[in-house]
All heavy atoms as atom14 arrays in JSON, in Angstrom:
{
  "sequence": "QEGLGYADIENRVLCTEDTVMRIASISKSITMIAVAKLWEEGKLD",
  "atom14_mask": [
    [1, 1, 1, 1, 1, 1, 1, 1, 1, 0, 0, 0, 0, 0],
    [1, 1, 1, 1, 1, 1, 1, 1, 1, 0, 0, 0, 0, 0],
    [1, 1, 1, 1, 0, 0, 0, 0, 0, 0, 0, 0, 0, 0],
    [1, 1, 1, 1, 1, 1, 1, 1, 0, 0, 0, 0, 0, 0],
    [1, 1, 1, 1, 0, 0, 0, 0, 0, 0, 0, 0, 0, 0],
    [1, 1, 1, 1, 1, 1, 1, 1, 1, 1, 1, 1, 0, 0],
    [1, 1, 1, 1, 1, 0, 0, 0, 0, 0, 0, 0, 0, 0],
    [1, 1, 1, 1, 1, 1, 1, 1, 0, 0, 0, 0, 0, 0],
    [1, 1, 1, 1, 1, 1, 1, 1, 0, 0, 0, 0, 0, 0],
    [1, 1, 1, 1, 1, 1, 1, 1, 1, 0, 0, 0, 0, 0],
    [1, 1, 1, 1, 1, 1, 1, 1, 0, 0, 0, 0, 0, 0],
    [1, 1, 1, 1, 1, 1, 1, 1, 1, 1, 1, 0, 0, 0],
    [1, 1, 1, 1, 1, 1, 1, 0, 0, 0, 0, 0, 0, 0],
    [1, 1, 1, 1, 1, 1, 1, 1, 0, 0, 0, 0, 0, 0],
    [1, 1, 1, 1, 1, 1, 0, 0, 0, 0, 0, 0, 0, 0],
    [1, 1, 1, 1, 1, 1, 1, 0, 0, 0, 0, 0, 0, 0],
    [1, 1, 1, 1, 1, 1, 1, 1, 1, 0, 0, 0, 0, 0],
    [1, 1, 1, 1, 1, 1, 1, 1, 0, 0, 0, 0, 0, 0],
    [1, 1, 1, 1, 1, 1, 1, 0, 0, 0, 0, 0, 0, 0],
    [1, 1, 1, 1, 1, 1, 1, 0, 0, 0, 0, 0, 0, 0],
    [1, 1, 1, 1, 1, 1, 1, 1, 0, 0, 0, 0, 0, 0],
    [1, 1, 1, 1, 1, 1, 1, 1, 1, 1, 1, 0, 0, 0],
    [1, 1, 1, 1, 1, 1, 1, 1, 0, 0, 0, 0, 0, 0],
    [1, 1, 1, 1, 1, 0, 0, 0, 0, 0, 0, 0, 0, 0],
    [1, 1, 1, 1, 1, 1, 0, 0, 0, 0, 0, 0, 0, 0],
    [1, 1, 1, 1, 1, 1, 1, 1, 0, 0, 0, 0, 0, 0],
    [1, 1, 1, 1, 1, 1, 0, 0, 0, 0, 0, 0, 0, 0],
    [1, 1, 1, 1, 1, 1, 1, 1, 1, 0, 0, 0, 0, 0],
    [1, 1, 1, 1, 1, 1, 0, 0, 0, 0, 0, 0, 0, 0],
    [1, 1, 1, 1, 1, 1, 1, 1, 0, 0, 0, 0, 0, 0],
    [1, 1, 1, 1, 1, 1, 1, 0, 0, 0, 0, 0, 0, 0],
    [1, 1, 1, 1, 1, 1, 1, 1, 0, 0, 0, 0, 0, 0],
    [1, 1, 1, 1, 1, 1, 1, 1, 0, 0, 0, 0, 0, 0],
    [1, 1, 1, 1, 1, 0, 0, 0, 0, 0, 0, 0, 0, 0],
    [1, 1, 1, 1, 1, 1, 1, 0, 0, 0, 0, 0, 0, 0],
    [1, 1, 1, 1, 1, 0, 0, 0, 0, 0, 0, 0, 0, 0],
    [1, 1, 1, 1, 1, 1, 1, 1, 1, 0, 0, 0, 0, 0],
    [1, 1, 1, 1, 1, 1, 1, 1, 0, 0, 0, 0, 0, 0],
    [1, 1, 1, 1, 1, 1, 1, 1, 1, 1, 1, 1, 1, 1],
    [1, 1, 1, 1, 1, 1, 1, 1, 1, 0, 0, 0, 0, 0],
    [1, 1, 1, 1, 1, 1, 1, 1, 1, 0, 0, 0, 0, 0],
    [1, 1, 1, 1, 0, 0, 0, 0, 0, 0, 0, 0, 0, 0],
    [1, 1, 1, 1, 1, 1, 1, 1, 1, 0, 0, 0, 0, 0],
    [1, 1, 1, 1, 1, 1, 1, 1, 0, 0, 0, 0, 0, 0],
    [1, 1, 1, 1, 1, 1, 1, 1, 0, 0, 0, 0, 0, 0]
  ],
  "atom14_positions": [
    [[0.86, -1.18, 0.0], [0.0, 0.0, 0.0], [0.9, 1.23, 0.0], [1.87, 1.29, 0.75], [-0.9, 0.02, 1.25], [-1.88, -1.14, 1.34], [-2.64, -1.13, 2.64], [-3.26, -0.14, 3.0], [-2.6, -2.25, 3.37], [0.0, 0.0, 0.0], [0.0, 0.0, 0.0], [0.0, 0.0, 0.0], [0.0, 0.0, 0.0], [0.0, 0.0, 0.0]],
    [[0.56, 2.19, -0.85], [1.41, 3.38, -0.93], [0.63, 4.57, -1.49], [-0.22, 4.42, -2.36], [2.61, 3.1, -1.84], [3.64, 4.23, -1.84], [4.92, 3.85, -2.57], [5.01, 2.7, -3.05], [5.81, 4.71, -2.68], [0.0, 0.0, 0.0], [0.0, 0.0, 0.0], [0.0, 0.0, 0.0], [0.0, 0.0, 0.0], [0.0, 0.0, 0.0]],
    [[0.93, 5.74, -0.96], [0.34, 6.97, -1.46], [1.32, 7.71, -2.35], [2.53, 7.7, -2.1], [0.0, 0.0, 0.0], [0.0, 0.0, 0.0], [0.0, 0.0, 0.0], [0.0, 0.0, 0.0], [0.0, 0.0, 0.0], [0.0, 0.0, 0.0], [0.0, 0.0, 0.0], [0.0, 0.0, 0.0], [0.0, 0.0, 0.0], [0.0, 0.0, 0.0]],
    [[0.8, 8.33, -3.38], [1.62, 9.1, -4.32], [0.97, 10.46, -4.53], [-0.24, 10.56, -4.67], [1.72, 8.37, -5.67], [2.23, 6.93, -5.62], [1.89, 6.21, -6.91], [3.72, 6.9, -5.38], [0.0, 0.0, 0.0], [0.0, 0.0, 0.0], [0.0, 0.0, 0.0], [0.0, 0.0, 0.0], [0.0, 0.0, 0.0], [0.0, 0.0, 0.0]],
    [[1.77, 11.49, -4.55], [1.22, 12.82, -4.76], [0.68, 13.41, -3.47], [1.09, 13.03, -2.37], [0.0, 0.0, 0.0], [0.0, 0.0, 0.0], [0.0, 0.0, 0.0], [0.0, 0.0, 0.0], [0.0, 0.0, 0.0], [0.0, 0.0, 0.0], [0.0, 0.0, 0.0], [0.0, 0.0, 0.0], [0.0, 0.0, 0.0], [0.0, 0.0, 0.0]],
    [[-0.28, 14.34, -3.64], [-0.73, 15.14, -2.5], [-2.19, 14.89, -2.13], [-3.07, 14.85, -2.98], [-0.53, 16.62, -2.79], [0.92, 17.02, -2.87], [1.57, 17.1, -4.09], [1.64, 17.28, -1.71], [2.91, 17.45, -4.16], [2.98, 17.63, -1.76], [3.63, 17.72, -2.99], [4.95, 18.05, -3.06], [0.0, 0.0, 0.0], [0.0, 0.0, 0.0]],
    [[-2.42, 14.77, -0.82], [-3.78, 14.74, -0.3], [-4.3, 16.16, -0.11], [-5.51, 16.39, -0.09], [-3.81, 14.0, 1.04], [0.0, 0.0, 0.0], [0.0, 0.0, 0.0], [0.0, 0.0, 0.0], [0.0, 0.0, 0.0], [0.0, 0.0, 0.0], [0.0, 0.0, 0.0], [0.0, 0.0, 0.0], [0.0, 0.0, 0.0], [0.0, 0.0, 0.0]],
    [[-3.38, 17.08, 0.03], [-3.71, 18.51, 0.19], [-2.61, 19.28, -0.53], [-1.49, 19.39, -0.03], [-3.77, 18.86, 1.68], [-4.12, 20.32, 1.92], [-3.9, 21.17, 1.03], [-4.63, 20.62, 3.03], [0.0, 0.0, 0.0], [0.0, 0.0, 0.0], [0.0, 0.0, 0.0], [0.0, 0.0, 0.0], [0.0, 0.0, 0.0], [0.0, 0.0, 0.0]],
    [[-2.94, 19.79, -1.7], [-1.93, 20.48, -2.52], [-1.45, 21.75, -1.85], [-0.24, 22.01, -1.77], [-2.5, 20.8, -3.91], [-2.85, 19.52, -4.66], [-1.49, 21.62, -4.72], [-3.54, 19.76, -5.99], [0.0, 0.0, 0.0], [0.0, 0.0, 0.0], [0.0, 0.0, 0.0], [0.0, 0.0, 0.0], [0.0, 0.0, 0.0], [0.0, 0.0, 0.0]],
    [[-2.38, 22.54, -1.35], [-2.02, 23.86, -0.82], [-1.11, 23.77, 0.4], [-0.2, 24.59, 0.57], [-3.3, 24.63, -0.46], [-4.11, 25.02, -1.69], [-5.48, 25.59, -1.34], [-6.18, 24.97, -0.52], [-5.84, 26.63, -1.89], [0.0, 0.0, 0.0], [0.0, 0.0, 0.0], [0.0, 0.0, 0.0], [0.0, 0.0, 0.0], [0.0, 0.0, 0.0]],
    [[-1.32, 22.79, 1.23], [-0.5, 22.63, 2.44], [0.58, 21.57, 2.28], [1.26, 21.24, 3.25], [-1.41, 22.29, 3.63], [-2.32, 23.44, 3.99], [-1.86, 24.53, 4.33], [-3.62, 23.21, 3.89], [0.0, 0.0, 0.0], [0.0, 0.0, 0.0], [0.0, 0.0, 0.0], [0.0, 0.0, 0.0], [0.0, 0.0, 0.0], [0.0, 0.0, 0.0]],
    [[0.72, 21.06, 1.05], [1.77, 20.1, 0.7], [1.74, 18.87, 1.61], [2.78, 18.38, 2.09], [3.16, 20.75, 0.76], [3.27, 22.1, 0.08], [2.75, 22.08, -1.34], [3.66, 21.47, -2.28], [3.34, 21.19, -3.55], [2.11, 21.45, -4.0], [4.22, 20.64, -4.36], [0.0, 0.0, 0.0], [0.0, 0.0, 0.0], [0.0, 0.0, 0.0]],
    [[0.53, 18.38, 1.85], [0.36, 17.16, 2.64], [0.36, 15.97, 1.69], [-0.47, 15.89, 0.78], [-0.96, 17.17, 3.45], [-1.13, 15.86, 4.21], [-0.98, 18.36, 4.4], [0.0, 0.0, 0.0], [0.0, 0.0, 0.0], [0.0, 0.0, 0.0], [0.0, 0.0, 0.0], [0.0, 0.0, 0.0], [0.0, 0.0, 0.0], [0.0, 0.0, 0.0]],
    [[1.29, 15.06, 1.88], [1.44, 13.92, 0.99], [0.37, 12.85, 1.24], [-0.1, 12.67, 2.36], [2.82, 13.3, 1.16], [4.01, 14.17, 0.74], [5.32, 13.5, 1.17], [4.01, 14.41, -0.76], [0.0, 0.0, 0.0], [0.0, 0.0, 0.0], [0.0, 0.0, 0.0], [0.0, 0.0, 0.0], [0.0, 0.0, 0.0], [0.0, 0.0, 0.0]],
    [[0.02, 12.15, 0.18], [-0.83, 10.97, 0.33], [-0.05, 9.85, 0.99], [1.15, 9.67, 0.72], [-1.3, 10.47, -1.05], [-2.62, 11.42, -1.8], [0.0, 0.0, 0.0], [0.0, 0.0, 0.0], [0.0, 0.0, 0.0], [0.0, 0.0, 0.0], [0.0, 0.0, 0.0], [0.0, 0.0, 0.0], [0.0, 0.0, 0.0], [0.0, 0.0, 0.0]],
    [[-0.71, 9.11, 1.86], [-0.12, 7.93, 2.47], [-1.15, 6.81, 2.4], [-2.28, 7.02, 1.96], [0.26, 8.16, 3.94], [-0.96, 8.23, 4.72], [1.06, 9.45, 4.12], [0.0, 0.0, 0.0], [0.0, 0.0, 0.0], [0.0, 0.0, 0.0], [0.0, 0.0, 0.0], [0.0, 0.0, 0.0], [0.0, 0.0, 0.0], [0.0, 0.0, 0.0]],
    [[-0.78, 5.64, 2.87], [-1.74, 4.53, 2.85], [-2.92, 4.79, 3.8], [-3.96, 4.14, 3.71], [-1.05, 3.22, 3.24], [-0.48, 3.21, 4.64], [0.24, 1.9, 4.94], [1.3, 1.68, 4.33], [-0.27, 1.12, 5.77], [0.0, 0.0, 0.0], [0.0, 0.0, 0.0], [0.0, 0.0, 0.0], [0.0, 0.0, 0.0], [0.0, 0.0, 0.0]],
    [[-2.78, 5.77, 4.7], [-3.85, 6.1, 5.65], [-4.76, 7.22, 5.15], [-5.73, 7.59, 5.84], [-3.27, 6.51, 7.0], [-2.54, 5.36, 7.69], [-3.07, 4.24, 7.65], [-1.45, 5.59, 8.25], [0.0, 0.0, 0.0], [0.0, 0.0, 0.0], [0.0, 0.0, 0.0], [0.0, 0.0, 0.0], [0.0, 0.0, 0.0], [0.0, 0.0, 0.0]],
    [[-4.47, 7.77, 3.98], [-5.28, 8.87, 3.47], [-6.72, 8.44, 3.24], [-6.99, 7.39, 2.65], [-4.69, 9.4, 2.15], [-3.37, 9.9, 2.39], [-5.55, 10.53, 1.59], [0.0, 0.0, 0.0], [0.0, 0.0, 0.0], [0.0, 0.0, 0.0], [0.0, 0.0, 0.0], [0.0, 0.0, 0.0], [0.0, 0.0, 0.0], [0.0, 0.0, 0.0]],
    [[-7.65, 9.22, 3.75], [-9.08, 8.95, 3.63], [-9.64, 9.78, 2.49], [-9.53, 11.01, 2.49], [-9.81, 9.29, 4.95], [-11.32, 9.1, 4.81], [-9.27, 8.45, 6.1], [0.0, 0.0, 0.0], [0.0, 0.0, 0.0], [0.0, 0.0, 0.0], [0.0, 0.0, 0.0], [0.0, 0.0, 0.0], [0.0, 0.0, 0.0], [0.0, 0.0, 0.0]],
    [[-10.22, 9.11, 1.51], [-10.74, 9.79, 0.33], [-12.2, 9.43, 0.08], [-12.7, 8.42, 0.58], [-9.93, 9.39, -0.91], [-8.51, 9.88, -0.92], [-7.69, 9.41, -2.48], [-6.18, 10.37, -2.36], [0.0, 0.0, 0.0], [0.0, 0.0, 0.0], [0.0, 0.0, 0.0], [0.0, 0.0, 0.0], [0.0, 0.0, 0.0], [0.0, 0.0, 0.0]],
    [[-12.88, 10.25, -0.68], [-14.22, 9.9, -1.15], [-14.11, 8.69, -2.07], [-13.23, 8.63, -2.93], [-14.83, 11.07, -1.92], [-15.3, 12.2, -1.01], [-15.8, 13.39, -1.8], [-16.39, 14.38, -0.9], [-16.59, 15.65, -1.21], [-16.26, 16.09, -2.42], [-17.14, 16.48, -0.34], [0.0, 0.0, 0.0], [0.0, 0.0, 0.0], [0.0, 0.0, 0.0]],
    [[-15.01, 7.74, -1.88], [-14.97, 6.54, -2.73], [-16.11, 6.53, -3.74], [-16.31, 5.53, -4.45], [-14.97, 5.25, -1.9], [-16.24, 5.11, -1.06], [-13.73, 5.2, -1.02], [-16.38, 3.75, -0.39], [0.0, 0.0, 0.0], [0.0, 0.0, 0.0], [0.0, 0.0, 0.0], [0.0, 0.0, 0.0], [0.0, 0.0, 0.0], [0.0, 0.0, 0.0]],
    [[-16.86, 7.63, -3.8], [-17.89, 7.8, -4.83], [-18.8, 6.57, -4.91], [-19.29, 6.09, -3.9], [-17.24, 8.13, -6.17], [0.0, 0.0, 0.0], [0.0, 0.0, 0.0], [0.0, 0.0, 0.0], [0.0, 0.0, 0.0], [0.0, 0.0, 0.0], [0.0, 0.0, 0.0], [0.0, 0.0, 0.0], [0.0, 0.0, 0.0], [0.0, 0.0, 0.0]],
    [[-18.95, 6.03, -6.11], [-19.95, 4.97, -6.31], [-19.52, 3.59, -5.81], [-20.33, 2.65, -5.87], [-20.33, 4.89, -7.79], [-21.14, 5.99, -8.12], [0.0, 0.0, 0.0], [0.0, 0.0, 0.0], [0.0, 0.0, 0.0], [0.0, 0.0, 0.0], [0.0, 0.0, 0.0], [0.0, 0.0, 0.0], [0.0, 0.0, 0.0], [0.0, 0.0, 0.0]],
    [[-18.31, 3.47, -5.29], [-17.98, 2.23, -4.59], [-18.89, 2.09, -3.37], [-19.12, 0.99, -2.87], [-16.49, 2.2, -4.18], [-15.59, 2.24, -5.43], [-16.16, 0.94, -3.37], [-14.12, 2.34, -5.12], [0.0, 0.0, 0.0], [0.0, 0.0, 0.0], [0.0, 0.0, 0.0], [0.0, 0.0, 0.0], [0.0, 0.0, 0.0], [0.0, 0.0, 0.0]],
    [[-19.44, 3.22, -2.93], [-20.42, 3.2, -1.84], [-21.57, 2.26, -2.16], [-22.1, 1.58, -1.27], [-20.96, 4.61, -1.6], [-19.92, 5.54, -1.35], [0.0, 0.0, 0.0], [0.0, 0.0, 0.0], [0.0, 0.0, 0.0], [0.0, 0.0, 0.0], [0.0, 0.0, 0.0], [0.0, 0.0, 0.0], [0.0, 0.0, 0.0], [0.0, 0.0, 0.0]],
    [[-21.98, 2.22, -3.42], [-23.08, 1.33, -3.82], [-22.73, -0.13, -3.54], [-23.59, -0.9, -3.1], [-23.38, 1.51, -5.32], [-23.9, 2.88, -5.73], [-24.12, 2.95, -7.22], [-24.73, 4.26, -7.67], [-23.83, 5.41, -7.54], [0.0, 0.0, 0.0], [0.0, 0.0, 0.0], [0.0, 0.0, 0.0], [0.0, 0.0, 0.0], [0.0, 0.0, 0.0]],
    [[-21.5, -0.51, -3.79], [-21.08, -1.9, -3.57], [-21.14, -2.26, -2.1], [-21.51, -3.39, -1.74], [-19.66, -2.11, -4.11], [-19.6, -1.83, -5.49], [0.0, 0.0, 0.0], [0.0, 0.0, 0.0], [0.0, 0.0, 0.0], [0.0, 0.0, 0.0], [0.0, 0.0, 0.0], [0.0, 0.0, 0.0], [0.0, 0.0, 0.0], [0.0, 0.0, 0.0]],
    [[-20.76, -1.34, -1.24], [-20.82, -1.6, 0.2], [-22.28, -1.66, 0.66], [-22.66, -2.53, 1.45], [-20.03, -0.54, 0.98], [-18.54, -0.61, 0.59], [-20.19, -0.74, 2.49], [-17.67, 0.43, 1.26], [0.0, 0.0, 0.0], [0.0, 0.0, 0.0], [0.0, 0.0, 0.0], [0.0, 0.0, 0.0], [0.0, 0.0, 0.0], [0.0, 0.0, 0.0]],
    [[-23.1, -0.76, 0.14], [-24.52, -0.79, 0.46], [-25.15, -2.12, 0.04], [-26.05, -2.64, 0.7], [-25.25, 0.38, -0.23], [-24.72, 1.62, 0.23], [-26.75, 0.34, 0.05], [0.0, 0.0, 0.0], [0.0, 0.0, 0.0], [0.0, 0.0, 0.0], [0.0, 0.0, 0.0], [0.0, 0.0, 0.0], [0.0, 0.0, 0.0], [0.0, 0.0, 0.0]],
    [[-24.63, -2.67, -1.07], [-25.18, -3.93, -1.56], [-24.98, -5.06, -0.55], [-25.78, -6.02, -0.52], [-24.53, -4.3, -2.9], [-25.2, -5.46, -3.61], [-26.92, -5.12, -4.05], [-27.57, -6.79, -4.13], [0.0, 0.0, 0.0], [0.0, 0.0, 0.0], [0.0, 0.0, 0.0], [0.0, 0.0, 0.0], [0.0, 0.0, 0.0], [0.0, 0.0, 0.0]],
    [[-23.96, -4.97, 0.29], [-23.78, -5.97, 1.34], [-24.99, -5.96, 2.28], [-25.5, -7.01, 2.69], [-22.48, -5.73, 2.14], [-21.27, -5.99, 1.26], [-22.45, -6.63, 3.37], [-19.95, -5.87, 1.99], [0.0, 0.0, 0.0], [0.0, 0.0, 0.0], [0.0, 0.0, 0.0], [0.0, 0.0, 0.0], [0.0, 0.0, 0.0], [0.0, 0.0, 0.0]],
    [[-25.44, -4.75, 2.62], [-26.61, -4.63, 3.5], [-27.83, -5.27, 2.84], [-28.59, -6.01, 3.48], [-26.88, -3.16, 3.81], [0.0, 0.0, 0.0], [0.0, 0.0, 0.0], [0.0, 0.0, 0.0], [0.0, 0.0, 0.0], [0.0, 0.0, 0.0], [0.0, 0.0, 0.0], [0.0, 0.0, 0.0], [0.0, 0.0, 0.0], [0.0, 0.0, 0.0]],
    [[-28.01, -5.0, 1.55], [-29.14, -5.57, 0.81], [-29.05, -7.1, 0.8], [-30.03, -7.8, 1.1], [-29.18, -5.02, -0.63], [-30.25, -5.74, -1.46], [-29.43, -3.52, -0.63], [0.0, 0.0, 0.0], [0.0, 0.0, 0.0], [0.0, 0.0, 0.0], [0.0, 0.0, 0.0], [0.0, 0.0, 0.0], [0.0, 0.0, 0.0], [0.0, 0.0, 0.0]],
    [[-27.87, -7.62, 0.45], [-27.69, -9.07, 0.35], [-27.88, -9.75, 1.71], [-28.46, -10.83, 1.8], [-26.3, -9.39, -0.2], [0.0, 0.0, 0.0], [0.0, 0.0, 0.0], [0.0, 0.0, 0.0], [0.0, 0.0, 0.0], [0.0, 0.0, 0.0], [0.0, 0.0, 0.0], [0.0, 0.0, 0.0], [0.0, 0.0, 0.0], [0.0, 0.0, 0.0]],
    [[-27.4, -9.09, 2.75], [-27.52, -9.64, 4.1], [-28.99, -9.76, 4.5], [-29.43, -10.79, 5.03], [-26.76, -8.73, 5.08], [-26.64, -9.24, 6.5], [-25.69, -8.34, 7.27], [-25.47, -8.82, 8.69], [-26.65, -8.61, 9.56], [0.0, 0.0, 0.0], [0.0, 0.0, 0.0], [0.0, 0.0, 0.0], [0.0, 0.0, 0.0], [0.0, 0.0, 0.0]],
    [[-29.77, -8.73, 4.22], [-31.19, -8.74, 4.57], [-31.96, -9.73, 3.71], [-32.91, -10.37, 4.18], [-31.77, -7.32, 4.42], [-31.19, -6.28, 5.39], [-31.72, -4.9, 5.07], [-31.51, -6.66, 6.84], [0.0, 0.0, 0.0], [0.0, 0.0, 0.0], [0.0, 0.0, 0.0], [0.0, 0.0, 0.0], [0.0, 0.0, 0.0], [0.0, 0.0, 0.0]],
    [[-31.55, -9.86, 2.45], [-32.18, -10.87, 1.58], [-31.88, -12.27, 2.1], [-32.76, -13.13, 2.16], [-31.66, -10.7, 0.15], [-32.05, -11.85, -0.74], [-33.25, -12.06, -1.35], [-31.22, -12.99, -1.07], [-33.23, -13.24, -2.06], [-32.01, -13.84, -1.89], [-29.92, -13.37, -0.75], [-31.5, -15.04, -2.41], [-29.44, -14.57, -1.26], [-30.22, -15.38, -2.08]],
    [[-30.62, -12.51, 2.46], [-30.2, -13.82, 2.95], [-30.95, -14.2, 4.22], [-31.28, -15.38, 4.44], [-28.69, -13.81, 3.21], [-28.11, -15.16, 3.57], [-26.61, -15.09, 3.76], [-26.14, -14.25, 4.55], [-25.9, -15.88, 3.11], [0.0, 0.0, 0.0], [0.0, 0.0, 0.0], [0.0, 0.0, 0.0], [0.0, 0.0, 0.0], [0.0, 0.0, 0.0]],
    [[-31.27, -13.2, 5.03], [-32.0, -13.44, 6.27], [-33.5, -13.55, 6.05], [-34.26, -13.75, 7.01], [-31.69, -12.32, 7.28], [-30.24, -12.3, 7.74], [-29.89, -11.04, 8.52], [-30.75, -10.12, 8.59], [-28.78, -10.97, 9.06], [0.0, 0.0, 0.0], [0.0, 0.0, 0.0], [0.0, 0.0, 0.0], [0.0, 0.0, 0.0], [0.0, 0.0, 0.0]],
    [[-33.93, -13.4, 4.8], [-35.35, -13.51, 4.48], [-36.17, -12.29, 4.86], [-37.41, -12.34, 4.9], [0.0, 0.0, 0.0], [0.0, 0.0, 0.0], [0.0, 0.0, 0.0], [0.0, 0.0, 0.0], [0.0, 0.0, 0.0], [0.0, 0.0, 0.0], [0.0, 0.0, 0.0], [0.0, 0.0, 0.0], [0.0, 0.0, 0.0], [0.0, 0.0, 0.0]],
    [[-35.49, -11.17, 5.09], [-36.18, -9.96, 5.53], [-36.5, -9.0, 4.38], [-37.35, -8.12, 4.52], [-35.33, -9.23, 6.57], [-35.09, -10.03, 7.84], [-34.15, -9.29, 8.78], [-33.9, -10.1, 10.04], [-32.93, -9.41, 10.95], [0.0, 0.0, 0.0], [0.0, 0.0, 0.0], [0.0, 0.0, 0.0], [0.0, 0.0, 0.0], [0.0, 0.0, 0.0]],
    [[-35.81, -9.18, 3.25], [-36.0, -8.28, 2.12], [-36.22, -9.11, 0.86], [-35.38, -9.93, 0.49], [-34.78, -7.38, 1.94], [-34.78, -6.41, 0.75], [-35.94, -5.44, 0.84], [-33.46, -5.65, 0.68], [0.0, 0.0, 0.0], [0.0, 0.0, 0.0], [0.0, 0.0, 0.0], [0.0, 0.0, 0.0], [0.0, 0.0, 0.0], [0.0, 0.0, 0.0]],
    [[-37.36, -8.9, 0.22], [-37.7, -9.59, -1.02], [-37.28, -8.7, -2.18], [-37.78, -7.58, -2.32], [-39.2, -9.89, -1.08], [-39.58, -10.8, -2.24], [-38.97, -10.68, -3.31], [-40.5, -11.62, -2.07], [0.0, 0.0, 0.0], [0.0, 0.0, 0.0], [0.0, 0.0, 0.0], [0.0, 0.0, 0.0], [0.0, 0.0, 0.0], [0.0, 0.0, 0.0]]
  ]
}
């Protein structure tokens, strides 16, 4: 795991493996776990 470039250009803060970023539509994939879990439990048709 490695960060390249800047997490904050103006303050010259470098990206690292701990940098927290927006993941945009990957959010949908994580939400899908909730859907699948509820379906598996028979709670969501």
